[in-house]
């Protein structure tokens, strides 16, 4: 299974869970990376928003406010502080940014799933 397909399947599963649990909304929080999981998640929501109407879906963008690891960490904190019901971290190996995101989510008690990323 390719990386884009992994993102699509995870989001489809999570949306189905939102429907099953009768949630009021389905919000995909993403960090605005122009490649990888953020990009694929944005495309998935864009394709499905308005078509799958059982639970309204939307995107919440968290772009870094500059370049460098400090800005990326601040972005991660912002995403974690949005207090999602659950999080999926797509990661290749144990990259510092992904590990920081997992730590921030853990500090806030957010159930987090790590999905292997191959690209």
Protein backbone atom coordinates (compact mmCIF):
# COMPACT_ATOMS: atom_id res chain seq x y z
CA UNK A 1 0.00 0.00 0.00
CA UNK A 2 1.41 3.41 -0.97
CA UNK A 3 1.64 6.39 1.34
CA UNK A 4 -1.24 8.30 -0.27
CA UNK A 5 -3.38 5.21 -0.05
CA UNK A 6 -2.43 4.85 3.63
CA UNK A 7 -3.61 8.39 4.35
CA UNK A 8 -6.83 7.81 2.40
CA UNK A 9 -7.61 4.58 4.24
CA UNK A 10 -6.88 6.06 7.66
CA UNK A 11 -9.08 9.08 7.00
CA UNK A 12 -11.88 6.95 5.59
CA UNK A 13 -11.73 4.75 8.71
CA UNK A 14 -11.68 7.78 11.03
CA UNK A 15 -14.61 9.38 9.20
CA UNK A 16 -16.56 6.13 9.52
CA UNK A 17 -15.85 6.16 13.25
CA UNK A 18 -17.09 9.76 13.48
CA UNK A 19 -20.31 8.69 11.77
CA UNK A 20 -20.70 5.63 14.04
CA UNK A 21 -20.17 7.77 17.14
CA UNK A 22 -22.59 10.45 15.86
CA UNK A 23 -20.01 13.24 16.06
CA UNK A 24 -21.10 16.78 15.16
CA UNK A 25 -18.08 17.33 12.94
CA UNK A 26 -15.01 15.71 11.45
CA UNK A 27 -12.01 18.04 11.42
CA UNK A 28 -8.69 17.06 9.87
CA UNK A 29 -5.85 18.98 11.52
CA UNK A 30 -2.79 19.23 9.31
CA UNK A 31 0.58 20.97 9.39
CA UNK A 32 0.71 22.40 5.84
CA UNK A 33 3.67 20.40 4.58
CA UNK A 34 3.41 20.63 0.77
CA UNK A 35 4.39 16.99 0.38
CA UNK A 36 3.51 13.86 2.29
CA UNK A 37 0.67 13.17 4.67
CA UNK A 38 -0.46 16.79 5.12
CA UNK A 39 -0.77 17.20 1.36
CA UNK A 40 -2.61 13.90 0.93
CA UNK A 41 -4.97 14.66 3.84
CA UNK A 42 -5.83 18.06 2.39
CA UNK A 43 -6.57 16.45 -0.99
CA UNK A 44 -8.74 13.78 0.66
CA UNK A 45 -10.87 16.30 2.54
CA UNK A 46 -11.16 18.50 -0.56
CA UNK A 47 -12.40 15.52 -2.57
CA UNK A 48 -14.91 14.33 0.03
CA UNK A 49 -16.19 17.46 1.79
CA UNK A 50 -19.72 18.16 0.60
CA UNK A 51 -20.07 14.64 -0.82
CA UNK A 52 -20.06 12.74 2.45
CA UNK A 53 -22.57 14.74 4.46
CA UNK A 54 -23.50 12.49 7.36
CA UNK A 55 -20.93 14.31 9.50
CA UNK A 56 -19.68 17.65 8.13
CA UNK A 57 -15.93 17.63 7.47
CA UNK A 58 -13.39 20.42 7.31
CA UNK A 59 -9.68 21.18 7.45
CA UNK A 60 -7.80 23.01 10.19
CA UNK A 61 -4.48 24.31 8.86
CA UNK A 62 -1.45 24.87 11.09
CA UNK A 63 1.34 26.31 8.93
CA UNK A 64 4.70 26.96 10.56
CA UNK A 65 5.31 30.67 11.05
CA UNK A 66 8.85 30.48 9.65
CA UNK A 67 11.66 28.09 8.83
CA UNK A 68 13.62 25.89 11.19
CA UNK A 69 12.92 23.42 13.95
CA UNK A 70 11.68 26.04 16.45
CA UNK A 71 8.86 27.06 14.10
CA UNK A 72 7.99 23.44 13.35
CA UNK A 73 7.81 22.67 17.07
CA UNK A 74 5.56 25.68 17.64
CA UNK A 75 3.32 24.40 14.85
CA UNK A 76 3.22 20.97 16.49
CA UNK A 77 2.21 22.52 19.81
CA UNK A 78 -0.60 24.40 18.06
CA UNK A 79 -1.89 21.22 16.46
CA UNK A 80 -1.75 19.32 19.77
CA UNK A 81 -3.47 22.17 21.59
CA UNK A 82 -6.42 21.87 19.20
CA UNK A 83 -7.26 18.79 21.35
CA UNK A 84 -8.27 16.31 18.65
CA UNK A 85 -10.23 13.21 19.67
CA UNK A 86 -7.44 11.15 18.14
CA UNK A 87 -4.34 11.69 16.05
CA UNK A 88 -2.52 9.83 13.32
CA UNK A 89 1.18 10.57 12.93
CA UNK A 90 2.59 9.37 9.63
CA UNK A 91 6.31 8.92 10.07
CA UNK A 92 9.37 7.42 8.48
CA UNK A 93 11.70 6.19 11.20
CA UNK A 94 11.92 8.26 14.34
CA UNK A 95 12.23 11.76 12.92
CA UNK A 96 12.64 14.54 15.50
CA UNK A 97 9.57 16.43 14.29
CA UNK A 98 7.29 13.40 14.40
CA UNK A 99 8.63 12.35 17.80
CA UNK A 100 7.98 15.89 19.10
CA UNK A 101 4.42 15.75 17.74
CA UNK A 102 3.82 12.43 19.50
CA UNK A 103 5.21 13.87 22.76
CA UNK A 104 2.97 16.95 22.54
CA UNK A 105 -0.11 14.82 21.86
CA UNK A 106 0.80 12.48 24.72
CA UNK A 107 1.16 15.41 27.14
CA UNK A 108 -2.43 16.33 26.33
CA UNK A 109 -3.79 12.79 26.61
CA UNK A 110 -4.64 12.47 22.91
CA UNK A 111 -4.90 8.90 21.65
CA UNK A 112 -2.23 8.71 18.95
CA UNK A 113 -1.65 6.16 16.24
CA UNK A 114 1.67 5.98 14.40
CA UNK A 115 1.40 5.01 10.74
CA UNK A 116 4.62 3.96 8.96
CA UNK A 117 5.59 6.26 6.08
CA UNK A 118 7.80 4.90 3.33
CA UNK A 119 8.66 7.98 1.26
